[in-house]
Amino acid sequence: MRFFRVFLILALAIGLSACGGKFRKYYGPEVTSVQVHKADRKMYLLHNGRVLESYDIALGFTPNGHKQFEGDGKTPEGTYYITHKNPRSRFHLSLGISYPNVADAEFAKTQEKSPGGDIFIHGGPLGPIARRDWTEGCIAVSNREMEQIYSMVEPGTVIHILP
């Protein structure tokens, strides 16, 4: 019976340690801002203007131009902030982006449309990705990269999304 308990505890410990990769710890300089360069398909994590990390990204399925309406497939452009961390994302892990802001919402209202929402930085889906820009307007990276970004970026961090 003692052997069974030791085996069970050991199996549980190994199982839990396998799950730990999703929530890395970061001990480096604070990420003070994020910059997304849509045309270059690059995202940069910065500390006071100094690049800490850079990533290749995928965007919305209609990437050119600023997101205006729900379902347009565009990634927003402008200055926003990270609203929250989502450890239970459909796309591995995700960081919420504060789209729509007041101006976005007011413009959509003048057109009698919804501005959309639920814009995130996130990892990939469980299956293969069929094309380069595939999201509904989000910013996507690999799951391994998302684990690193998730550990480095905190809610409240400014994100500049540039054309």
C-alpha atoms as a PDB file:
ATOM      1  CA  MET A   1       0.000   0.000   0.000  1.00  0.00           C
ATOM      2  CA  ARG A   2       2.888   2.357   0.828  1.00  0.00           C
ATOM      3  CA  PHE A   3       4.388   1.788  -2.625  1.00  0.00           C
ATOM      4  CA  PHE A   4       1.038   2.693  -4.234  1.00  0.00           C
ATOM      5  CA  ARG A   5       0.862   5.996  -2.290  1.00  0.00           C
ATOM      6  CA  VAL A   6       4.428   6.930  -3.236  1.00  0.00           C
ATOM      7  CA  PHE A   7       3.698   6.081  -6.875  1.00  0.00           C
ATOM      8  CA  LEU A   8       0.476   8.125  -6.832  1.00  0.00           C
ATOM      9  CA  ILE A   9       2.184  11.175  -5.280  1.00  0.00           C
ATOM     10  CA  LEU A  10       5.062  10.946  -7.758  1.00  0.00           C
ATOM     11  CA  ALA A  11       2.664  10.655 -10.731  1.00  0.00           C
ATOM     12  CA  LEU A  12       0.686  13.656  -9.477  1.00  0.00           C
ATOM     13  CA  ALA A  13       3.851  15.744  -9.041  1.00  0.00           C
ATOM     14  CA  ILE A  14       5.053  14.913 -12.557  1.00  0.00           C
ATOM     15  CA  GLY A  15       1.614  15.693 -14.002  1.00  0.00           C
ATOM     16  CA  LEU A  16       1.457  19.058 -12.278  1.00  0.00           C
ATOM     17  CA  SER A  17       4.969  19.996 -13.348  1.00  0.00           C
ATOM     18  CA  ALA A  18       4.015  19.313 -16.976  1.00  0.00           C
ATOM     19  CA  CYS A  19       1.263  21.939 -16.692  1.00  0.00           C
ATOM     20  CA  GLY A  20       3.648  24.548 -15.321  1.00  0.00           C
ATOM     21  CA  GLY A  21       5.034  25.606 -18.710  1.00  0.00           C
ATOM     22  CA  LYS A  22       1.924  27.636 -19.437  1.00  0.00           C
ATOM     23  CA  PHE A  23       2.612  30.072 -16.584  1.00  0.00           C
ATOM     24  CA  ARG A  24       6.242  31.099 -16.790  1.00  0.00           C
ATOM     25  CA  LYS A  25       7.796  33.544 -14.332  1.00  0.00           C
ATOM     26  CA  TYR A  26       9.511  36.662 -15.642  1.00  0.00           C
ATOM     27  CA  TYR A  27      12.161  38.468 -13.610  1.00  0.00           C
ATOM     28  CA  GLY A  28      13.513  40.964 -16.146  1.00  0.00           C
ATOM     29  CA  PRO A  29      12.837  44.662 -16.728  1.00  0.00           C
ATOM     30  CA  GLU A  30       9.209  45.794 -16.679  1.00  0.00           C
ATOM     31  CA  VAL A  31       7.483  45.933 -20.056  1.00  0.00           C
ATOM     32  CA  THR A  32       6.398  49.593 -20.166  1.00  0.00           C
ATOM     33  CA  SER A  33       4.797  49.446 -23.618  1.00  0.00           C
ATOM     34  CA  VAL A  34       3.975  47.182 -26.536  1.00  0.00           C
ATOM     35  CA  GLN A  35       4.283  48.279 -30.168  1.00  0.00           C
ATOM     36  CA  VAL A  36       2.607  46.490 -33.044  1.00  0.00           C
ATOM     37  CA  HIS A  37       3.735  47.326 -36.584  1.00  0.00           C
ATOM     38  CA  LYS A  38       0.987  45.876 -38.752  1.00  0.00           C
ATOM     39  CA  ALA A  39       2.692  46.416 -42.124  1.00  0.00           C
ATOM     40  CA  ASP A  40       5.815  44.580 -40.947  1.00  0.00           C
ATOM     41  CA  ARG A  41       3.823  41.912 -39.024  1.00  0.00           C
ATOM     42  CA  LYS A  42       6.020  42.582 -35.961  1.00  0.00           C
ATOM     43  CA  MET A  43       5.304  43.167 -32.279  1.00  0.00           C
ATOM     44  CA  TYR A  44       7.823  44.594 -29.820  1.00  0.00           C
ATOM     45  CA  LEU A  45       7.851  44.533 -26.024  1.00  0.00           C
ATOM     46  CA  LEU A  46       9.674  47.613 -24.716  1.00  0.00           C
ATOM     47  CA  HIS A  47      11.111  48.915 -21.468  1.00  0.00           C
ATOM     48  CA  ASN A  48      11.320  52.726 -21.622  1.00  0.00           C
ATOM     49  CA  GLY A  49      11.864  52.652 -25.389  1.00  0.00           C
ATOM     50  CA  ARG A  50      14.369  49.764 -25.394  1.00  0.00           C
ATOM     51  CA  VAL A  51      13.261  46.619 -27.204  1.00  0.00           C
ATOM     52  CA  LEU A  52      13.221  43.599 -24.885  1.00  0.00           C
ATOM     53  CA  GLU A  53      11.659  41.090 -27.300  1.00  0.00           C
ATOM     54  CA  SER A  54      10.253  41.026 -30.829  1.00  0.00           C
ATOM     55  CA  TYR A  55       7.786  38.630 -32.449  1.00  0.00           C
ATOM     56  CA  ASP A  56       6.374  37.822 -35.863  1.00  0.00           C
ATOM     57  CA  ILE A  57       2.583  38.174 -35.755  1.00  0.00           C
ATOM     58  CA  ALA A  58      -0.602  37.320 -37.619  1.00  0.00           C
ATOM     59  CA  LEU A  59      -3.449  39.828 -37.836  1.00  0.00           C
ATOM     60  CA  GLY A  60      -7.107  39.966 -38.788  1.00  0.00           C
ATOM     61  CA  PHE A  61      -8.119  38.321 -42.062  1.00  0.00           C
ATOM     62  CA  THR A  62      -8.516  41.822 -43.632  1.00  0.00           C
ATOM     63  CA  PRO A  63      -5.456  43.454 -42.065  1.00  0.00           C
ATOM     64  CA  ASN A  64      -5.242  46.798 -43.893  1.00  0.00           C
ATOM     65  CA  GLY A  65      -6.854  49.778 -42.188  1.00  0.00           C
ATOM     66  CA  HIS A  66      -8.311  50.446 -38.753  1.00  0.00           C
ATOM     67  CA  LYS A  67     -10.999  48.204 -37.275  1.00  0.00           C
ATOM     68  CA  GLN A  68     -14.332  50.003 -37.468  1.00  0.00           C
ATOM     69  CA  PHE A  69     -17.076  47.409 -37.176  1.00  0.00           C
ATOM     70  CA  GLU A  70     -17.754  43.980 -35.805  1.00  0.00           C
ATOM     71  CA  GLY A  71     -16.883  41.303 -38.354  1.00  0.00           C
ATOM     72  CA  ASP A  72     -14.722  43.484 -40.616  1.00  0.00           C
ATOM     73  CA  GLY A  73     -11.651  41.289 -39.980  1.00  0.00           C
ATOM     74  CA  LYS A  74      -9.426  44.272 -39.285  1.00  0.00           C
ATOM     75  CA  THR A  75      -7.005  44.759 -36.404  1.00  0.00           C
ATOM     76  CA  PRO A  76      -7.450  48.120 -34.630  1.00  0.00           C
ATOM     77  CA  GLU A  77      -4.937  50.952 -34.998  1.00  0.00           C
ATOM     78  CA  GLY A  78      -4.211  53.461 -32.275  1.00  0.00           C
ATOM     79  CA  THR A  79      -3.243  53.570 -28.617  1.00  0.00           C
ATOM     80  CA  TYR A  80      -4.953  51.179 -26.241  1.00  0.00           C
ATOM     81  CA  TYR A  81      -3.958  49.306 -23.076  1.00  0.00           C
ATOM     82  CA  ILE A  82      -3.884  45.713 -21.868  1.00  0.00           C
ATOM     83  CA  THR A  83      -7.075  45.127 -19.887  1.00  0.00           C
ATOM     84  CA  HIS A  84      -6.604  41.643 -18.442  1.00  0.00           C
ATOM     85  CA  LYS A  85      -4.975  38.234 -18.672  1.00  0.00           C
ATOM     86  CA  ASN A  86      -7.072  35.272 -19.766  1.00  0.00           C
ATOM     87  CA  PRO A  87      -5.570  31.899 -18.792  1.00  0.00           C
ATOM     88  CA  ARG A  88      -8.590  30.031 -20.216  1.00  0.00           C
ATOM     89  CA  SER A  89      -8.492  31.421 -23.745  1.00  0.00           C
ATOM     90  CA  ARG A  90      -9.667  29.341 -26.718  1.00  0.00           C
ATOM     91  CA  PHE A  91      -6.303  30.327 -28.182  1.00  0.00           C
ATOM     92  CA  HIS A  92      -3.920  29.007 -25.502  1.00  0.00           C
ATOM     93  CA  LEU A  93      -3.451  32.189 -23.418  1.00  0.00           C
ATOM     94  CA  SER A  94      -4.491  35.758 -24.180  1.00  0.00           C
ATOM     95  CA  LEU A  95      -4.148  39.399 -23.170  1.00  0.00           C
ATOM     96  CA  GLY A  96      -7.187  41.658 -23.600  1.00  0.00           C
ATOM     97  CA  ILE A  97      -6.854  44.929 -25.528  1.00  0.00           C
ATOM     98  CA  SER A  98      -9.065  47.907 -24.625  1.00  0.00           C
ATOM     99  CA  TYR A  99     -10.714  48.150 -28.067  1.00  0.00           C
ATOM    100  CA  PRO A 100     -13.150  49.795 -28.620  1.00  0.00           C
ATOM    101  CA  ASN A 101     -12.247  53.101 -27.041  1.00  0.00           C
ATOM    102  CA  VAL A 102     -14.737  55.992 -26.847  1.00  0.00           C
ATOM    103  CA  ALA A 103     -13.907  57.289 -30.350  1.00  0.00           C
ATOM    104  CA  ASP A 104     -14.234  53.798 -31.872  1.00  0.00           C
ATOM    105  CA  ALA A 105     -17.626  53.252 -30.222  1.00  0.00           C
ATOM    106  CA  GLU A 106     -18.938  56.695 -31.205  1.00  0.00           C
ATOM    107  CA  PHE A 107     -17.904  56.279 -34.859  1.00  0.00           C
ATOM    108  CA  ALA A 108     -19.603  52.879 -35.120  1.00  0.00           C
ATOM    109  CA  LYS A 109     -22.724  54.330 -33.499  1.00  0.00           C
ATOM    110  CA  THR A 110     -22.902  57.098 -36.139  1.00  0.00           C
ATOM    111  CA  GLN A 111     -22.932  54.338 -38.756  1.00  0.00           C
ATOM    112  CA  GLU A 112     -25.566  52.387 -36.787  1.00  0.00           C
ATOM    113  CA  LYS A 113     -23.202  49.432 -36.440  1.00  0.00           C
ATOM    114  CA  SER A 114     -21.398  47.645 -33.615  1.00  0.00           C
ATOM    115  CA  PRO A 115     -17.677  48.411 -33.228  1.00  0.00           C
ATOM    116  CA  GLY A 116     -17.029  44.811 -32.197  1.00  0.00           C
ATOM    117  CA  GLY A 117     -14.768  43.916 -29.327  1.00  0.00           C
ATOM    118  CA  ASP A 118     -12.930  41.009 -27.726  1.00  0.00           C
ATOM    119  CA  ILE A 119      -9.631  41.990 -29.318  1.00  0.00           C
ATOM    120  CA  PHE A 120      -6.656  40.107 -27.842  1.00  0.00           C
ATOM    121  CA  ILE A 121      -3.037  39.178 -28.218  1.00  0.00           C
ATOM    122  CA  HIS A 122      -3.223  35.379 -28.227  1.00  0.00           C
ATOM    123  CA  GLY A 123      -1.640  32.089 -29.178  1.00  0.00           C
ATOM    124  CA  GLY A 124      -2.776  29.800 -31.928  1.00  0.00           C
ATOM    125  CA  PRO A 125      -5.733  27.465 -32.259  1.00  0.00           C
ATOM    126  CA  LEU A 126      -5.373  23.751 -31.652  1.00  0.00           C
ATOM    127  CA  GLY A 127      -5.373  22.915 -35.369  1.00  0.00           C
ATOM    128  CA  PRO A 128      -3.210  24.102 -38.262  1.00  0.00           C
ATOM    129  CA  ILE A 129      -3.429  27.710 -39.448  1.00  0.00           C
ATOM    130  CA  ALA A 130      -4.605  27.909 -43.053  1.00  0.00           C
ATOM    131  CA  ARG A 131      -3.270  31.374 -43.912  1.00  0.00           C
ATOM    132  CA  ARG A 132      -0.978  34.119 -42.690  1.00  0.00           C
ATOM    133  CA  ASP A 133      -3.613  36.557 -41.354  1.00  0.00           C
ATOM    134  CA  TRP A 134      -6.409  34.496 -39.892  1.00  0.00           C
ATOM    135  CA  THR A 135      -7.836  36.131 -36.763  1.00  0.00           C
ATOM    136  CA  GLU A 136     -11.084  38.093 -36.414  1.00  0.00           C
ATOM    137  CA  GLY A 137      -9.000  41.220 -35.664  1.00  0.00           C
ATOM    138  CA  CYS A 138      -6.659  39.993 -32.936  1.00  0.00           C
ATOM    139  CA  ILE A 139      -2.876  39.765 -32.859  1.00  0.00           C
ATOM    140  CA  ALA A 140      -1.623  36.163 -32.880  1.00  0.00           C
ATOM    141  CA  VAL A 141       1.738  34.598 -32.069  1.00  0.00           C
ATOM    142  CA  SER A 142       2.874  31.013 -31.495  1.00  0.00           C
ATOM    143  CA  ASN A 143       1.816  29.320 -28.261  1.00  0.00           C
ATOM    144  CA  ARG A 144       5.397  29.242 -26.971  1.00  0.00           C
ATOM    145  CA  GLU A 145       5.776  32.970 -27.672  1.00  0.00           C
ATOM    146  CA  MET A 146       2.409  33.653 -26.012  1.00  0.00           C
ATOM    147  CA  GLU A 147       3.632  31.958 -22.839  1.00  0.00           C
ATOM    148  CA  GLN A 148       6.594  34.348 -22.750  1.00  0.00           C
ATOM    149  CA  ILE A 149       4.476  37.430 -23.554  1.00  0.00           C
ATOM    150  CA  TYR A 150       1.870  36.435 -20.960  1.00  0.00           C
ATOM    151  CA  SER A 151       4.585  36.294 -18.301  1.00  0.00           C
ATOM    152  CA  MET A 152       6.075  39.671 -19.275  1.00  0.00           C
ATOM    153  CA  VAL A 153       3.090  41.954 -19.948  1.00  0.00           C
ATOM    154  CA  GLU A 154       0.802  43.128 -17.154  1.00  0.00           C
ATOM    155  CA  PRO A 155      -2.674  44.670 -17.297  1.00  0.00           C
ATOM    156  CA  GLY A 156      -2.451  48.449 -17.692  1.00  0.00           C
ATOM    157  CA  THR A 157       0.473  48.284 -20.136  1.00  0.00           C
ATOM    158  CA  VAL A 158       0.056  50.663 -23.092  1.00  0.00           C
ATOM    159  CA  ILE A 159      -0.126  49.110 -26.559  1.00  0.00           C
ATOM    160  CA  HIS A 160       0.459  51.188 -29.698  1.00  0.00           C
ATOM    161  CA  ILE A 161      -0.926  49.512 -32.819  1.00  0.00           C
ATOM    162  CA  LEU A 162       0.556  51.192 -35.869  1.00  0.00           C
ATOM    163  CA  PRO A 163      -0.411  50.789 -39.553  1.00  0.00           C
END
